[in-house]
Amino acid sequence: MTPLLIFLLAGNIFIQSTGSIKCYTCNTQLDNGNCNKQVDCNQGARACKTDVVGVVGLFNVITKECASECNPYFKDFTVGKRNISCCYTDLCNVSGTHAFRMNGVYVALAVLASFACVFLGNRL
């Protein structure tokens, strides 16, 4: 029984280490709904990478791809944000823009609230 168990475990590890990952891919899309193409990545790819550039809460540019190496990254610029996320299971990069959309809503609400305070503050 023990040799059979060792053989099955070794085979499972070998299959997992040599199998390819599946990712969603797209190139410079403005809507995550357009990033639904599923691909079997090359043998060297071990991650699904999502790169989202958000421009001042107005829109996002989304790129998804297979990656042999992937380093998560986040940068908040004056005029926008860039977020690179990595995941390592089949079709794990299904989403990618929810945080930016919510931030855009919050920025818009903050700007409207500021204008309301300025204009209504003079009348009070």
N, C-alpha and C. Protein backbone atom coordinates (compact mmCIF):
# COMPACT_ATOMS: atom_id res chain seq x y z
N MET A 1 0.82 -1.20 0.00
CA MET A 1 0.00 0.00 0.00
C MET A 1 0.86 1.26 0.00
N THR A 2 1.93 1.27 0.81
CA THR A 2 2.79 2.44 0.89
C THR A 2 3.47 2.75 -0.43
N PRO A 3 4.04 1.76 -1.15
CA PRO A 3 4.65 2.09 -2.45
C PRO A 3 3.65 2.67 -3.45
N LEU A 4 2.42 2.17 -3.41
CA LEU A 4 1.40 2.70 -4.31
C LEU A 4 1.08 4.16 -3.97
N LEU A 5 0.98 4.47 -2.70
CA LEU A 5 0.71 5.84 -2.26
C LEU A 5 1.84 6.77 -2.67
N ILE A 6 3.07 6.34 -2.49
CA ILE A 6 4.23 7.16 -2.89
C ILE A 6 4.23 7.37 -4.40
N PHE A 7 3.92 6.33 -5.16
CA PHE A 7 3.86 6.45 -6.62
C PHE A 7 2.79 7.45 -7.05
N LEU A 8 1.61 7.37 -6.44
CA LEU A 8 0.53 8.30 -6.79
C LEU A 8 0.87 9.74 -6.42
N LEU A 9 1.48 9.95 -5.27
CA LEU A 9 1.88 11.30 -4.87
C LEU A 9 2.94 11.86 -5.81
N ALA A 10 3.93 11.04 -6.16
CA ALA A 10 4.99 11.49 -7.07
C ALA A 10 4.40 11.82 -8.44
N GLY A 11 3.48 11.00 -8.92
CA GLY A 11 2.85 11.27 -10.21
C GLY A 11 2.04 12.54 -10.19
N ASN A 12 1.35 12.79 -9.10
CA ASN A 12 0.56 14.01 -8.97
C ASN A 12 1.45 15.25 -8.96
N ILE A 13 2.55 15.20 -8.24
CA ILE A 13 3.49 16.32 -8.21
C ILE A 13 4.08 16.55 -9.59
N PHE A 14 4.43 15.48 -10.31
CA PHE A 14 4.99 15.61 -11.65
C PHE A 14 3.99 16.25 -12.60
N ILE A 15 2.74 15.81 -12.53
CA ILE A 15 1.71 16.36 -13.42
C ILE A 15 1.48 17.83 -13.12
N GLN A 16 1.44 18.20 -11.83
CA GLN A 16 1.22 19.59 -11.47
C GLN A 16 2.38 20.47 -11.88
N SER A 17 3.60 19.97 -11.79
CA SER A 17 4.76 20.81 -12.10
C SER A 17 4.97 20.96 -13.60
N THR A 18 4.47 20.02 -14.40
CA THR A 18 4.69 20.12 -15.84
C THR A 18 3.46 20.59 -16.60
N GLY A 19 2.30 20.60 -15.97
CA GLY A 19 1.08 21.02 -16.63
C GLY A 19 1.07 22.52 -16.83
N SER A 20 0.32 22.94 -17.82
CA SER A 20 0.23 24.37 -18.07
C SER A 20 -0.99 24.94 -17.37
N ILE A 21 -0.93 26.21 -17.11
CA ILE A 21 -2.01 26.93 -16.45
C ILE A 21 -2.92 27.53 -17.52
N LYS A 22 -4.17 27.75 -17.19
CA LYS A 22 -5.11 28.42 -18.09
C LYS A 22 -5.37 29.82 -17.53
N CYS A 23 -5.37 30.81 -18.42
CA CYS A 23 -5.60 32.20 -18.00
C CYS A 23 -6.59 32.87 -18.95
N TYR A 24 -7.21 33.92 -18.44
CA TYR A 24 -7.96 34.83 -19.30
C TYR A 24 -6.96 35.82 -19.89
N THR A 25 -7.12 36.15 -21.17
CA THR A 25 -6.21 37.10 -21.80
C THR A 25 -6.99 38.18 -22.56
N CYS A 26 -6.38 39.35 -22.61
CA CYS A 26 -6.89 40.46 -23.41
C CYS A 26 -5.79 41.51 -23.47
N ASN A 27 -5.93 42.42 -24.41
CA ASN A 27 -4.90 43.45 -24.59
C ASN A 27 -5.56 44.82 -24.66
N THR A 28 -5.21 45.68 -23.74
CA THR A 28 -5.67 47.08 -23.66
C THR A 28 -7.19 47.23 -23.86
N GLN A 29 -7.94 46.58 -23.01
CA GLN A 29 -9.40 46.68 -23.04
C GLN A 29 -9.89 47.69 -22.01
N LEU A 30 -11.00 48.34 -22.29
CA LEU A 30 -11.59 49.30 -21.36
C LEU A 30 -12.64 48.67 -20.45
N ASP A 31 -13.04 47.44 -20.76
CA ASP A 31 -14.07 46.75 -19.97
C ASP A 31 -13.59 45.34 -19.65
N ASN A 32 -13.67 44.97 -18.38
CA ASN A 32 -13.25 43.64 -17.97
C ASN A 32 -14.09 42.55 -18.65
N GLY A 33 -15.30 42.88 -19.06
CA GLY A 33 -16.15 41.94 -19.78
C GLY A 33 -15.57 41.52 -21.12
N ASN A 34 -14.66 42.32 -21.66
CA ASN A 34 -14.00 41.98 -22.92
C ASN A 34 -12.78 41.09 -22.71
N CYS A 35 -12.48 40.78 -21.48
CA CYS A 35 -11.30 39.97 -21.15
C CYS A 35 -11.73 38.56 -20.79
N ASN A 36 -12.43 37.90 -21.69
CA ASN A 36 -12.96 36.57 -21.38
C ASN A 36 -12.40 35.47 -22.27
N LYS A 37 -11.33 35.74 -22.99
CA LYS A 37 -10.71 34.72 -23.83
C LYS A 37 -9.86 33.81 -22.95
N GLN A 38 -10.19 32.51 -22.95
CA GLN A 38 -9.44 31.54 -22.17
C GLN A 38 -8.36 30.92 -23.04
N VAL A 39 -7.13 30.86 -22.52
CA VAL A 39 -6.05 30.24 -23.27
C VAL A 39 -5.30 29.25 -22.38
N ASP A 40 -4.77 28.21 -23.02
CA ASP A 40 -3.83 27.31 -22.36
C ASP A 40 -2.46 27.93 -22.52
N CYS A 41 -1.85 28.31 -21.43
CA CYS A 41 -0.56 28.99 -21.49
C CYS A 41 0.55 28.04 -21.89
N ASN A 42 1.66 28.60 -22.35
CA ASN A 42 2.84 27.81 -22.68
C ASN A 42 3.38 27.13 -21.43
N GLN A 43 4.18 26.11 -21.61
CA GLN A 43 4.72 25.35 -20.48
C GLN A 43 5.48 26.21 -19.49
N GLY A 44 6.16 27.25 -19.96
CA GLY A 44 6.94 28.10 -19.06
C GLY A 44 6.11 29.03 -18.20
N ALA A 45 4.86 29.23 -18.55
CA ALA A 45 4.01 30.15 -17.80
C ALA A 45 3.51 29.46 -16.54
N ARG A 46 3.65 30.15 -15.43
CA ARG A 46 3.17 29.61 -14.17
C ARG A 46 2.21 30.55 -13.46
N ALA A 47 1.92 31.70 -14.08
CA ALA A 47 1.04 32.69 -13.45
C ALA A 47 0.12 33.32 -14.48
N CYS A 48 -1.01 33.79 -13.98
CA CYS A 48 -1.90 34.65 -14.77
C CYS A 48 -1.68 36.07 -14.26
N LYS A 49 -1.38 36.98 -15.16
CA LYS A 49 -1.04 38.35 -14.80
C LYS A 49 -2.13 39.30 -15.29
N THR A 50 -2.54 40.20 -14.41
CA THR A 50 -3.51 41.23 -14.77
C THR A 50 -2.88 42.59 -14.50
N ASP A 51 -2.87 43.44 -15.51
CA ASP A 51 -2.30 44.78 -15.40
C ASP A 51 -3.43 45.78 -15.67
N VAL A 52 -3.76 46.58 -14.65
CA VAL A 52 -4.84 47.55 -14.77
C VAL A 52 -4.29 48.94 -14.53
N VAL A 53 -4.48 49.82 -15.51
CA VAL A 53 -4.10 51.22 -15.36
C VAL A 53 -5.40 52.02 -15.30
N GLY A 54 -5.62 52.68 -14.16
CA GLY A 54 -6.81 53.50 -13.98
C GLY A 54 -6.45 54.96 -14.14
N VAL A 55 -7.22 55.69 -14.93
CA VAL A 55 -6.93 57.09 -15.20
C VAL A 55 -7.95 57.97 -14.46
N VAL A 56 -7.52 58.58 -13.38
CA VAL A 56 -8.28 59.53 -12.56
C VAL A 56 -9.73 59.08 -12.34
N GLY A 57 -9.94 57.82 -12.12
CA GLY A 57 -11.29 57.34 -11.87
C GLY A 57 -12.22 57.41 -13.06
N LEU A 58 -11.70 57.76 -14.23
CA LEU A 58 -12.54 57.89 -15.42
C LEU A 58 -12.69 56.58 -16.17
N PHE A 59 -11.58 55.90 -16.41
CA PHE A 59 -11.63 54.63 -17.11
C PHE A 59 -10.40 53.81 -16.74
N ASN A 60 -10.45 52.52 -17.07
CA ASN A 60 -9.35 51.60 -16.82
C ASN A 60 -8.91 50.98 -18.14
N VAL A 61 -7.63 50.73 -18.24
CA VAL A 61 -7.08 50.00 -19.37
C VAL A 61 -6.58 48.68 -18.81
N ILE A 62 -7.14 47.57 -19.30
CA ILE A 62 -6.89 46.25 -18.72
C ILE A 62 -6.14 45.38 -19.73
N THR A 63 -5.08 44.73 -19.25
CA THR A 63 -4.35 43.74 -20.03
C THR A 63 -4.19 42.50 -19.16
N LYS A 64 -4.52 41.35 -19.72
CA LYS A 64 -4.37 40.08 -19.01
C LYS A 64 -3.56 39.14 -19.89
N GLU A 65 -2.68 38.37 -19.24
CA GLU A 65 -1.81 37.49 -20.01
C GLU A 65 -1.26 36.37 -19.14
N CYS A 66 -0.69 35.37 -19.81
CA CYS A 66 0.08 34.33 -19.14
C CYS A 66 1.47 34.90 -18.86
N ALA A 67 2.08 34.49 -17.76
CA ALA A 67 3.39 35.02 -17.42
C ALA A 67 4.28 33.94 -16.82
N SER A 68 5.53 33.92 -17.26
CA SER A 68 6.48 32.99 -16.65
C SER A 68 6.94 33.53 -15.30
N GLU A 69 6.99 34.84 -15.18
CA GLU A 69 7.29 35.50 -13.91
C GLU A 69 6.29 36.63 -13.73
N CYS A 70 5.91 36.87 -12.48
CA CYS A 70 4.94 37.92 -12.22
C CYS A 70 5.25 38.53 -10.85
N ASN A 71 5.41 39.82 -10.83
CA ASN A 71 5.67 40.54 -9.59
C ASN A 71 4.53 41.51 -9.33
N PRO A 72 3.77 41.29 -8.26
CA PRO A 72 2.68 42.22 -7.94
C PRO A 72 3.22 43.64 -7.76
N TYR A 73 2.43 44.61 -8.16
CA TYR A 73 2.89 46.00 -8.14
C TYR A 73 1.68 46.91 -8.00
N PHE A 74 1.82 47.95 -7.20
CA PHE A 74 0.77 48.97 -7.11
C PHE A 74 1.44 50.33 -7.00
N LYS A 75 0.97 51.27 -7.78
CA LYS A 75 1.49 52.64 -7.74
C LYS A 75 0.33 53.60 -7.91
N ASP A 76 0.25 54.56 -7.00
CA ASP A 76 -0.79 55.59 -7.05
C ASP A 76 -0.14 56.86 -7.57
N PHE A 77 -0.44 57.21 -8.81
CA PHE A 77 0.09 58.42 -9.43
C PHE A 77 -0.89 59.57 -9.22
N THR A 78 -0.49 60.76 -9.52
CA THR A 78 -1.37 61.92 -9.41
C THR A 78 -2.57 61.79 -10.36
N VAL A 79 -2.33 61.27 -11.53
CA VAL A 79 -3.39 61.20 -12.55
C VAL A 79 -3.99 59.80 -12.69
N GLY A 80 -3.63 58.88 -11.84
CA GLY A 80 -4.20 57.54 -11.95
C GLY A 80 -3.46 56.54 -11.10
N LYS A 81 -3.75 55.28 -11.36
CA LYS A 81 -3.16 54.18 -10.59
C LYS A 81 -2.79 53.05 -11.53
N ARG A 82 -1.80 52.27 -11.10
CA ARG A 82 -1.44 51.06 -11.83
C ARG A 82 -1.38 49.91 -10.84
N ASN A 83 -2.02 48.82 -11.20
CA ASN A 83 -2.04 47.65 -10.34
C ASN A 83 -1.74 46.41 -11.17
N ILE A 84 -0.68 45.71 -10.82
CA ILE A 84 -0.36 44.43 -11.44
C ILE A 84 -0.61 43.36 -10.39
N SER A 85 -1.48 42.42 -10.72
CA SER A 85 -1.76 41.32 -9.80
C SER A 85 -1.42 40.00 -10.46
N CYS A 86 -1.08 39.03 -9.64
CA CYS A 86 -0.66 37.72 -10.10
C CYS A 86 -1.45 36.64 -9.37
N CYS A 87 -1.78 35.58 -10.07
CA CYS A 87 -2.42 34.44 -9.43
C CYS A 87 -1.92 33.17 -10.12
N TYR A 88 -2.12 32.04 -9.48
CA TYR A 88 -1.41 30.84 -9.91
C TYR A 88 -2.29 29.61 -10.09
N THR A 89 -3.57 29.79 -10.29
CA THR A 89 -4.46 28.66 -10.55
C THR A 89 -5.24 28.93 -11.85
N ASP A 90 -5.81 27.89 -12.40
CA ASP A 90 -6.53 28.02 -13.67
C ASP A 90 -7.63 29.08 -13.60
N LEU A 91 -7.61 29.97 -14.58
CA LEU A 91 -8.63 31.01 -14.77
C LEU A 91 -8.87 31.86 -13.52
N CYS A 92 -7.80 32.09 -12.79
CA CYS A 92 -7.90 32.85 -11.54
C CYS A 92 -7.98 34.35 -11.77
N ASN A 93 -7.63 34.83 -12.96
CA ASN A 93 -7.61 36.28 -13.22
C ASN A 93 -8.90 36.75 -13.88
N VAL A 94 -10.02 36.27 -13.37
CA VAL A 94 -11.31 36.61 -13.96
C VAL A 94 -11.69 38.07 -13.71
N SER A 95 -11.38 38.60 -12.54
CA SER A 95 -11.71 40.00 -12.25
C SER A 95 -10.44 40.83 -12.31
N GLY A 96 -10.59 42.12 -12.03
CA GLY A 96 -9.40 42.93 -12.05
C GLY A 96 -9.64 44.42 -11.98
N THR A 97 -10.89 44.86 -11.99
CA THR A 97 -11.10 46.30 -12.03
C THR A 97 -12.05 46.81 -10.96
N HIS A 98 -12.57 45.94 -10.12
CA HIS A 98 -13.57 46.40 -9.15
C HIS A 98 -13.02 47.47 -8.21
N ALA A 99 -11.80 47.31 -7.74
CA ALA A 99 -11.25 48.29 -6.80
C ALA A 99 -11.11 49.66 -7.45
N PHE A 100 -10.69 49.70 -8.71
CA PHE A 100 -10.53 50.98 -9.38
C PHE A 100 -11.88 51.63 -9.63
N ARG A 101 -12.88 50.86 -9.97
CA ARG A 101 -14.20 51.45 -10.21
C ARG A 101 -14.74 52.07 -8.93
N MET A 102 -14.59 51.37 -7.82
CA MET A 102 -15.09 51.92 -6.57
C MET A 102 -14.30 53.16 -6.18
N ASN A 103 -12.99 53.16 -6.38
CA ASN A 103 -12.20 54.35 -6.07
C ASN A 103 -12.66 55.53 -6.92
N GLY A 104 -12.98 55.29 -8.17
CA GLY A 104 -13.48 56.36 -9.04
C GLY A 104 -14.79 56.93 -8.53
N VAL A 105 -15.65 56.07 -8.04
CA VAL A 105 -16.92 56.53 -7.47
C VAL A 105 -16.66 57.39 -6.24
N TYR A 106 -15.75 56.95 -5.38
CA TYR A 106 -15.43 57.72 -4.18
C TYR A 106 -14.81 59.08 -4.52
N VAL A 107 -13.95 59.11 -5.51
CA VAL A 107 -13.35 60.38 -5.92
C VAL A 107 -14.43 61.32 -6.44
N ALA A 108 -15.31 60.81 -7.28
CA ALA A 108 -16.39 61.65 -7.82
C ALA A 108 -17.29 62.17 -6.71
N LEU A 109 -17.63 61.33 -5.74
CA LEU A 109 -18.46 61.77 -4.62
C LEU A 109 -17.75 62.81 -3.77
N ALA A 110 -16.45 62.63 -3.56
CA ALA A 110 -15.69 63.60 -2.77
C ALA A 110 -15.64 64.96 -3.47
N VAL A 111 -15.45 64.96 -4.78
CA VAL A 111 -15.42 66.22 -5.54
C VAL A 111 -16.79 66.90 -5.47
N LEU A 112 -17.86 66.14 -5.67
CA LEU A 112 -19.20 66.72 -5.59
C LEU A 112 -19.50 67.26 -4.19
N ALA A 113 -19.09 66.53 -3.17
CA ALA A 113 -19.31 66.99 -1.80
C ALA A 113 -18.52 68.27 -1.52
N SER A 114 -17.31 68.36 -2.05
CA SER A 114 -16.51 69.57 -1.87
C SER A 114 -17.17 70.78 -2.52
N PHE A 115 -17.65 70.60 -3.75
CA PHE A 115 -18.34 71.70 -4.42
C PHE A 115 -19.61 72.09 -3.67
N ALA A 116 -20.34 71.12 -3.19
CA ALA A 116 -21.56 71.40 -2.44
C ALA A 116 -21.25 72.20 -1.18
N CYS A 117 -20.19 71.83 -0.48
CA CYS A 117 -19.81 72.56 0.74
C CYS A 117 -19.42 74.00 0.42
N VAL A 118 -18.69 74.20 -0.66
CA VAL A 118 -18.25 75.54 -1.03
C VAL A 118 -19.46 76.40 -1.40
N PHE A 119 -20.33 75.88 -2.26
CA PHE A 119 -21.47 76.68 -2.71
C PHE A 119 -22.55 76.83 -1.63
N LEU A 120 -22.84 75.79 -0.91
CA LEU A 120 -23.85 75.88 0.14
C LEU A 120 -23.32 76.57 1.39
N GLY A 121 -22.02 76.48 1.60
CA GLY A 121 -21.42 77.13 2.77
C GLY A 121 -21.55 78.64 2.71
N ASN A 122 -21.52 79.20 1.53
CA ASN A 122 -21.68 80.65 1.37
C ASN A 122 -23.11 81.10 1.65
N ARG A 123 -24.06 80.20 1.49
CA ARG A 123 -25.47 80.54 1.68
C ARG A 123 -25.93 80.33 3.12
N LEU A 124 -25.18 79.59 3.90
CA LEU A 124 -25.60 79.29 5.27
C LEU A 124 -25.23 80.35 6.25
